[in-house]
């Protein structure tokens, strides 16, 4: 019989609780604003408890980036994997990303859009972790588009990396405009632009219905 270490279980639960608050705080105030004292107040735990869990601010920031990555994957990537590789998965990824931002999976909108600007010119482990997460998303989108090219769902001359760049730029802009303007209208514009881009690439209208037919203003 395997015995469970109660202290470890409680410690893991406390860590998850604190990180849930950490990623939401960072999506609003940034990772630089993520202090042990501020987080302790938000999570209603002691400062010593947070310090014991993470030790330093940098370790806390890195743990927050990883927790945010896992939340993003669960919200956007995993559901899209129910769709076959190619255009249907691309549509699911784009629609899922818009819902993730629009429905505020993180309090301040997209965690990575909110925090990347803080560290884009600051070399170090936190910047590296953010860059890796952003690259992984862009690469996955490009890989999915590459399957669409191989399957003849879009034109053979289409560049997957170019598409991924354009799509992420539109999504990031929609997120920023929505958060700043407290409006879902930017998601409407992003959907139209993404559908038009995919139609221009050769995707058929029926395959794009999931992306095209959502009324973000009514959600």
C-alpha atoms as a PDB file:
ATOM      1  CA  UNK A   1       0.000   0.000   0.000  1.00  0.00           C
ATOM      2  CA  UNK A   2       1.358   3.411  -1.004  1.00  0.00           C
ATOM      3  CA  UNK A   3       1.126   6.044   1.706  1.00  0.00           C
ATOM      4  CA  UNK A   4       0.543   9.642   0.715  1.00  0.00           C
ATOM      5  CA  UNK A   5       2.761  12.308   2.238  1.00  0.00           C
ATOM      6  CA  UNK A   6       0.145  14.721   3.597  1.00  0.00           C
ATOM      7  CA  UNK A   7       2.568  17.614   3.815  1.00  0.00           C
ATOM      8  CA  UNK A   8       3.550  17.211   0.175  1.00  0.00           C
ATOM      9  CA  UNK A   9      -0.093  17.040  -0.932  1.00  0.00           C
ATOM     10  CA  UNK A  10      -0.896  20.193   1.029  1.00  0.00           C
ATOM     11  CA  UNK A  11       2.203  21.874  -0.364  1.00  0.00           C
ATOM     12  CA  UNK A  12       1.238  21.020  -3.944  1.00  0.00           C
ATOM     13  CA  UNK A  13      -2.289  22.322  -3.360  1.00  0.00           C
ATOM     14  CA  UNK A  14      -0.928  25.558  -1.886  1.00  0.00           C
ATOM     15  CA  UNK A  15       1.428  25.975  -4.819  1.00  0.00           C
ATOM     16  CA  UNK A  16      -1.418  25.538  -7.322  1.00  0.00           C
ATOM     17  CA  UNK A  17      -3.574  28.020  -5.417  1.00  0.00           C
ATOM     18  CA  UNK A  18      -0.848  30.630  -5.279  1.00  0.00           C
ATOM     19  CA  UNK A  19       0.042  30.165  -8.957  1.00  0.00           C
ATOM     20  CA  UNK A  20      -3.609  30.541  -9.976  1.00  0.00           C
ATOM     21  CA  UNK A  21      -3.537  33.979  -8.376  1.00  0.00           C
ATOM     22  CA  UNK A  22      -0.054  34.703  -9.718  1.00  0.00           C
ATOM     23  CA  UNK A  23      -0.915  34.230 -13.387  1.00  0.00           C
ATOM     24  CA  UNK A  24      -4.073  36.328 -13.108  1.00  0.00           C
ATOM     25  CA  UNK A  25      -2.217  39.114 -11.312  1.00  0.00           C
ATOM     26  CA  UNK A  26       0.593  39.037 -13.857  1.00  0.00           C
ATOM     27  CA  UNK A  27      -1.870  39.238 -16.759  1.00  0.00           C
ATOM     28  CA  UNK A  28      -3.039  42.570 -15.323  1.00  0.00           C
ATOM     29  CA  UNK A  29       0.023  44.024 -13.587  1.00  0.00           C
ATOM     30  CA  UNK A  30       2.876  42.242 -15.321  1.00  0.00           C
ATOM     31  CA  UNK A  31       5.469  39.811 -14.058  1.00  0.00           C
ATOM     32  CA  UNK A  32       7.645  42.606 -12.680  1.00  0.00           C
ATOM     33  CA  UNK A  33       4.747  43.603 -10.452  1.00  0.00           C
ATOM     34  CA  UNK A  34       4.501  40.089  -9.103  1.00  0.00           C
ATOM     35  CA  UNK A  35       5.984  40.452  -5.617  1.00  0.00           C
ATOM     36  CA  UNK A  36       5.826  37.836  -2.891  1.00  0.00           C
ATOM     37  CA  UNK A  37       4.036  40.284  -0.598  1.00  0.00           C
ATOM     38  CA  UNK A  38       1.435  41.309  -3.185  1.00  0.00           C
ATOM     39  CA  UNK A  39       0.775  37.706  -4.126  1.00  0.00           C
ATOM     40  CA  UNK A  40       0.438  36.685  -0.476  1.00  0.00           C
ATOM     41  CA  UNK A  41      -2.254  39.329  -0.015  1.00  0.00           C
ATOM     42  CA  UNK A  42      -4.122  38.253  -3.154  1.00  0.00           C
ATOM     43  CA  UNK A  43      -3.998  34.546  -2.307  1.00  0.00           C
ATOM     44  CA  UNK A  44      -4.647  35.192   1.383  1.00  0.00           C
ATOM     45  CA  UNK A  45      -1.612  33.261   2.513  1.00  0.00           C
ATOM     46  CA  UNK A  46       1.403  34.319   4.522  1.00  0.00           C
ATOM     47  CA  UNK A  47       4.438  35.926   2.930  1.00  0.00           C
ATOM     48  CA  UNK A  48       6.603  33.269   4.527  1.00  0.00           C
ATOM     49  CA  UNK A  49       4.418  30.603   2.928  1.00  0.00           C
ATOM     50  CA  UNK A  50       4.886  32.091  -0.552  1.00  0.00           C
ATOM     51  CA  UNK A  51       8.611  32.537   0.072  1.00  0.00           C
ATOM     52  CA  UNK A  52       8.900  28.898   1.157  1.00  0.00           C
ATOM     53  CA  UNK A  53       7.152  27.722  -2.014  1.00  0.00           C
ATOM     54  CA  UNK A  54       9.190  29.789  -4.479  1.00  0.00           C
ATOM     55  CA  UNK A  55      12.219  31.258  -2.716  1.00  0.00           C
ATOM     56  CA  UNK A  56      12.965  34.146  -5.062  1.00  0.00           C
ATOM     57  CA  UNK A  57      10.981  36.501  -7.280  1.00  0.00           C
ATOM     58  CA  UNK A  58      12.584  35.040 -10.401  1.00  0.00           C
ATOM     59  CA  UNK A  59      11.585  31.517  -9.436  1.00  0.00           C
ATOM     60  CA  UNK A  60       8.061  32.774  -8.805  1.00  0.00           C
ATOM     61  CA  UNK A  61       8.007  34.441 -12.231  1.00  0.00           C
ATOM     62  CA  UNK A  62       9.242  31.292 -13.953  1.00  0.00           C
ATOM     63  CA  UNK A  63       6.660  29.174 -12.155  1.00  0.00           C
ATOM     64  CA  UNK A  64       3.963  31.637 -13.228  1.00  0.00           C
ATOM     65  CA  UNK A  65       5.047  31.413 -16.869  1.00  0.00           C
ATOM     66  CA  UNK A  66       4.881  27.620 -16.745  1.00  0.00           C
ATOM     67  CA  UNK A  67       1.475  27.665 -15.044  1.00  0.00           C
ATOM     68  CA  UNK A  68       0.227  30.100 -17.689  1.00  0.00           C
ATOM     69  CA  UNK A  69       1.579  27.875 -20.453  1.00  0.00           C
ATOM     70  CA  UNK A  70      -0.277  24.865 -19.055  1.00  0.00           C
ATOM     71  CA  UNK A  71      -3.507  26.859 -18.762  1.00  0.00           C
ATOM     72  CA  UNK A  72      -3.139  28.047 -22.349  1.00  0.00           C
ATOM     73  CA  UNK A  73      -2.515  24.527 -23.623  1.00  0.00           C
ATOM     74  CA  UNK A  74      -5.573  23.222 -21.760  1.00  0.00           C
ATOM     75  CA  UNK A  75      -7.738  26.068 -23.083  1.00  0.00           C
ATOM     76  CA  UNK A  76      -6.607  26.270 -26.718  1.00  0.00           C
ATOM     77  CA  UNK A  77      -4.335  23.429 -27.847  1.00  0.00           C
ATOM     78  CA  UNK A  78      -5.906  20.356 -26.292  1.00  0.00           C
ATOM     79  CA  UNK A  79      -9.501  21.024 -27.450  1.00  0.00           C
ATOM     80  CA  UNK A  80      -8.270  21.671 -30.999  1.00  0.00           C
ATOM     81  CA  UNK A  81      -6.610  18.258 -31.106  1.00  0.00           C
ATOM     82  CA  UNK A  82     -10.075  16.723 -31.318  1.00  0.00           C
ATOM     83  CA  UNK A  83     -10.100  17.954 -34.915  1.00  0.00           C
ATOM     84  CA  UNK A  84      -8.111  16.259 -37.712  1.00  0.00           C
ATOM     85  CA  UNK A  85      -4.809  17.808 -38.732  1.00  0.00           C
ATOM     86  CA  UNK A  86      -5.118  20.443 -41.389  1.00  0.00           C
ATOM     87  CA  UNK A  87      -7.606  23.217 -41.977  1.00  0.00           C
ATOM     88  CA  UNK A  88     -10.137  22.001 -39.413  1.00  0.00           C
ATOM     89  CA  UNK A  89      -7.539  22.017 -36.659  1.00  0.00           C
ATOM     90  CA  UNK A  90      -6.312  25.462 -37.734  1.00  0.00           C
ATOM     91  CA  UNK A  91      -9.863  26.783 -37.515  1.00  0.00           C
ATOM     92  CA  UNK A  92     -10.283  25.198 -34.081  1.00  0.00           C
ATOM     93  CA  UNK A  93      -7.021  26.757 -32.884  1.00  0.00           C
ATOM     94  CA  UNK A  94      -7.945  30.229 -34.098  1.00  0.00           C
ATOM     95  CA  UNK A  95     -11.492  30.037 -32.756  1.00  0.00           C
ATOM     96  CA  UNK A  96     -10.184  28.642 -29.465  1.00  0.00           C
ATOM     97  CA  UNK A  97      -7.623  31.435 -29.120  1.00  0.00           C
ATOM     98  CA  UNK A  98     -10.262  34.099 -29.645  1.00  0.00           C
ATOM     99  CA  UNK A  99     -12.512  32.464 -27.038  1.00  0.00           C
ATOM    100  CA  UNK A 100      -9.553  32.163 -24.642  1.00  0.00           C
ATOM    101  CA  UNK A 101      -8.887  35.893 -24.878  1.00  0.00           C
ATOM    102  CA  UNK A 102     -12.521  37.023 -25.126  1.00  0.00           C
ATOM    103  CA  UNK A 103     -13.674  34.929 -22.145  1.00  0.00           C
ATOM    104  CA  UNK A 104     -10.726  36.110 -20.031  1.00  0.00           C
ATOM    105  CA  UNK A 105      -9.184  32.754 -19.194  1.00  0.00           C
ATOM    106  CA  UNK A 106      -6.651  35.121 -17.637  1.00  0.00           C
ATOM    107  CA  UNK A 107      -8.101  38.170 -15.913  1.00  0.00           C
ATOM    108  CA  UNK A 108      -6.132  40.617 -18.047  1.00  0.00           C
ATOM    109  CA  UNK A 109      -6.613  38.859 -21.370  1.00  0.00           C
ATOM    110  CA  UNK A 110      -3.792  36.841 -22.920  1.00  0.00           C
ATOM    111  CA  UNK A 111      -1.077  36.314 -20.284  1.00  0.00           C
ATOM    112  CA  UNK A 112       1.692  36.150 -22.874  1.00  0.00           C
ATOM    113  CA  UNK A 113       0.591  39.273 -24.729  1.00  0.00           C
ATOM    114  CA  UNK A 114       0.528  41.115 -21.400  1.00  0.00           C
ATOM    115  CA  UNK A 115       3.924  39.966 -20.170  1.00  0.00           C
ATOM    116  CA  UNK A 116       6.076  39.577 -23.288  1.00  0.00           C
ATOM    117  CA  UNK A 117       6.501  43.338 -23.771  1.00  0.00           C
ATOM    118  CA  UNK A 118       8.017  43.596 -20.290  1.00  0.00           C
ATOM    119  CA  UNK A 119      10.832  41.209 -21.098  1.00  0.00           C
ATOM    120  CA  UNK A 120      11.428  41.476 -24.842  1.00  0.00           C
ATOM    121  CA  UNK A 121      14.591  43.531 -24.213  1.00  0.00           C
ATOM    122  CA  UNK A 122      15.576  41.970 -20.862  1.00  0.00           C
ATOM    123  CA  UNK A 123      17.860  38.950 -21.328  1.00  0.00           C
ATOM    124  CA  UNK A 124      17.472  36.214 -18.750  1.00  0.00           C
ATOM    125  CA  UNK A 125      15.567  33.061 -17.809  1.00  0.00           C
ATOM    126  CA  UNK A 126      12.138  34.723 -17.641  1.00  0.00           C
ATOM    127  CA  UNK A 127      12.500  36.215 -21.116  1.00  0.00           C
ATOM    128  CA  UNK A 128      13.684  32.829 -22.407  1.00  0.00           C
ATOM    129  CA  UNK A 129      10.667  31.058 -20.901  1.00  0.00           C
ATOM    130  CA  UNK A 130       8.251  33.566 -22.433  1.00  0.00           C
ATOM    131  CA  UNK A 131       9.983  33.384 -25.811  1.00  0.00           C
ATOM    132  CA  UNK A 132       9.818  29.587 -25.779  1.00  0.00           C
ATOM    133  CA  UNK A 133       6.094  29.599 -25.010  1.00  0.00           C
ATOM    134  CA  UNK A 134       5.386  32.101 -27.804  1.00  0.00           C
ATOM    135  CA  UNK A 135       7.559  30.195 -30.272  1.00  0.00           C
ATOM    136  CA  UNK A 136       5.875  26.899 -29.391  1.00  0.00           C
ATOM    137  CA  UNK A 137       2.454  28.404 -30.171  1.00  0.00           C
ATOM    138  CA  UNK A 138       3.575  29.926 -33.464  1.00  0.00           C
ATOM    139  CA  UNK A 139       5.367  26.725 -34.472  1.00  0.00           C
ATOM    140  CA  UNK A 140       2.305  24.610 -33.700  1.00  0.00           C
ATOM    141  CA  UNK A 141       0.116  26.890 -35.790  1.00  0.00           C
ATOM    142  CA  UNK A 142       2.623  26.728 -38.640  1.00  0.00           C
ATOM    143  CA  UNK A 143       2.862  22.933 -38.386  1.00  0.00           C
ATOM    144  CA  UNK A 144      -0.920  22.660 -38.541  1.00  0.00           C
ATOM    145  CA  UNK A 145      -0.949  24.889 -41.619  1.00  0.00           C
ATOM    146  CA  UNK A 146       1.759  22.737 -43.191  1.00  0.00           C
ATOM    147  CA  UNK A 147      -0.599  19.755 -42.969  1.00  0.00           C
ATOM    148  CA  UNK A 148      -3.277  21.816 -44.729  1.00  0.00           C
ATOM    149  CA  UNK A 149      -0.806  22.531 -47.541  1.00  0.00           C
ATOM    150  CA  UNK A 150       0.212  18.869 -47.808  1.00  0.00           C
ATOM    151  CA  UNK A 151      -3.434  17.777 -47.919  1.00  0.00           C
ATOM    152  CA  UNK A 152      -4.315  20.254 -50.644  1.00  0.00           C
ATOM    153  CA  UNK A 153      -6.700  22.215 -48.423  1.00  0.00           C
ATOM    154  CA  UNK A 154      -4.818  25.438 -49.175  1.00  0.00           C
ATOM    155  CA  UNK A 155      -2.493  26.423 -52.000  1.00  0.00           C
ATOM    156  CA  UNK A 156       0.792  24.572 -52.445  1.00  0.00           C
ATOM    157  CA  UNK A 157       2.659  27.901 -52.589  1.00  0.00           C
ATOM    158  CA  UNK A 158       1.454  29.014 -49.150  1.00  0.00           C
ATOM    159  CA  UNK A 159       4.148  29.660 -46.508  1.00  0.00           C
ATOM    160  CA  UNK A 160       3.168  28.190 -43.108  1.00  0.00           C
ATOM    161  CA  UNK A 161       5.501  30.463 -41.136  1.00  0.00           C
ATOM    162  CA  UNK A 162       4.124  33.522 -42.899  1.00  0.00           C
ATOM    163  CA  UNK A 163       0.581  32.441 -42.117  1.00  0.00           C
ATOM    164  CA  UNK A 164       1.451  31.828 -38.450  1.00  0.00           C
ATOM    165  CA  UNK A 165       3.007  35.293 -38.206  1.00  0.00           C
ATOM    166  CA  UNK A 166      -0.039  36.981 -39.725  1.00  0.00           C
ATOM    167  CA  UNK A 167      -2.492  35.012 -37.599  1.00  0.00           C
ATOM    168  CA  UNK A 168      -0.698  35.647 -34.308  1.00  0.00           C
ATOM    169  CA  UNK A 169      -0.375  39.346 -35.153  1.00  0.00           C
ATOM    170  CA  UNK A 170      -4.128  39.592 -35.709  1.00  0.00           C
ATOM    171  CA  UNK A 171      -4.936  37.665 -32.541  1.00  0.00           C
ATOM    172  CA  UNK A 172      -2.558  39.706 -30.396  1.00  0.00           C
ATOM    173  CA  UNK A 173      -3.972  42.951 -31.784  1.00  0.00           C
ATOM    174  CA  UNK A 174      -7.543  41.804 -31.093  1.00  0.00           C
ATOM    175  CA  UNK A 175      -6.611  40.896 -27.520  1.00  0.00           C
ATOM    176  CA  UNK A 176      -4.917  44.231 -26.831  1.00  0.00           C
ATOM    177  CA  UNK A 177      -7.701  46.304 -28.377  1.00  0.00           C
ATOM    178  CA  UNK A 178     -10.360  44.316 -26.541  1.00  0.00           C
ATOM    179  CA  UNK A 179      -8.692  44.687 -23.154  1.00  0.00           C
ATOM    180  CA  UNK A 180      -7.990  48.390 -23.632  1.00  0.00           C
ATOM    181  CA  UNK A 181     -11.394  49.192 -25.083  1.00  0.00           C
ATOM    182  CA  UNK A 182     -13.442  46.759 -22.990  1.00  0.00           C
ATOM    183  CA  UNK A 183     -15.134  45.567 -26.168  1.00  0.00           C
ATOM    184  CA  UNK A 184     -15.526  42.333 -28.137  1.00  0.00           C
ATOM    185  CA  UNK A 185     -15.579  44.186 -31.458  1.00  0.00           C
ATOM    186  CA  UNK A 186     -11.859  43.562 -32.110  1.00  0.00           C
ATOM    187  CA  UNK A 187     -12.563  39.818 -32.165  1.00  0.00           C
ATOM    188  CA  UNK A 188     -15.155  40.394 -34.887  1.00  0.00           C
ATOM    189  CA  UNK A 189     -12.536  42.212 -36.969  1.00  0.00           C
ATOM    190  CA  UNK A 190      -9.946  39.486 -36.312  1.00  0.00           C
ATOM    191  CA  UNK A 191     -12.339  36.723 -37.374  1.00  0.00           C
ATOM    192  CA  UNK A 192     -13.159  38.531 -40.613  1.00  0.00           C
ATOM    193  CA  UNK A 193      -9.481  39.032 -41.407  1.00  0.00           C
ATOM    194  CA  UNK A 194      -8.546  35.438 -40.579  1.00  0.00           C
ATOM    195  CA  UNK A 195     -11.401  34.009 -42.638  1.00  0.00           C
ATOM    196  CA  UNK A 196     -10.462  36.261 -45.565  1.00  0.00           C
ATOM    197  CA  UNK A 197      -6.812  35.162 -45.274  1.00  0.00           C
ATOM    198  CA  UNK A 198      -7.727  31.482 -45.278  1.00  0.00           C
ATOM    199  CA  UNK A 199     -10.178  31.926 -48.154  1.00  0.00           C
ATOM    200  CA  UNK A 200      -7.459  33.682 -50.133  1.00  0.00           C
ATOM    201  CA  UNK A 201      -5.177  30.722 -49.392  1.00  0.00           C
ATOM    202  CA  UNK A 202      -7.744  28.401 -50.951  1.00  0.00           C
ATOM    203  CA  UNK A 203      -9.681  27.032 -47.972  1.00  0.00           C
ATOM    204  CA  UNK A 204     -13.314  26.226 -48.731  1.00  0.00           C
ATOM    205  CA  UNK A 205     -16.045  28.178 -46.968  1.00  0.00           C
ATOM    206  CA  UNK A 206     -17.595  25.141 -45.275  1.00  0.00           C
ATOM    207  CA  UNK A 207     -14.373  24.319 -43.445  1.00  0.00           C
ATOM    208  CA  UNK A 208     -14.231  27.860 -42.068  1.00  0.00           C
ATOM    209  CA  UNK A 209     -17.771  27.969 -40.664  1.00  0.00           C
ATOM    210  CA  UNK A 210     -16.663  27.428 -37.066  1.00  0.00           C
ATOM    211  CA  UNK A 211     -14.450  30.492 -37.283  1.00  0.00           C
ATOM    212  CA  UNK A 212     -16.737  32.631 -39.438  1.00  0.00           C
ATOM    213  CA  UNK A 213     -20.125  32.067 -37.845  1.00  0.00           C
ATOM    214  CA  UNK A 214     -19.470  33.056 -34.203  1.00  0.00           C
ATOM    215  CA  UNK A 215     -20.973  36.383 -33.116  1.00  0.00           C
ATOM    216  CA  UNK A 216     -18.502  37.614 -30.503  1.00  0.00           C
ATOM    217  CA  UNK A 217     -20.742  40.573 -29.680  1.00  0.00           C
ATOM    218  CA  UNK A 218     -23.524  38.234 -28.605  1.00  0.00           C
ATOM    219  CA  UNK A 219     -21.320  36.007 -26.427  1.00  0.00           C
END
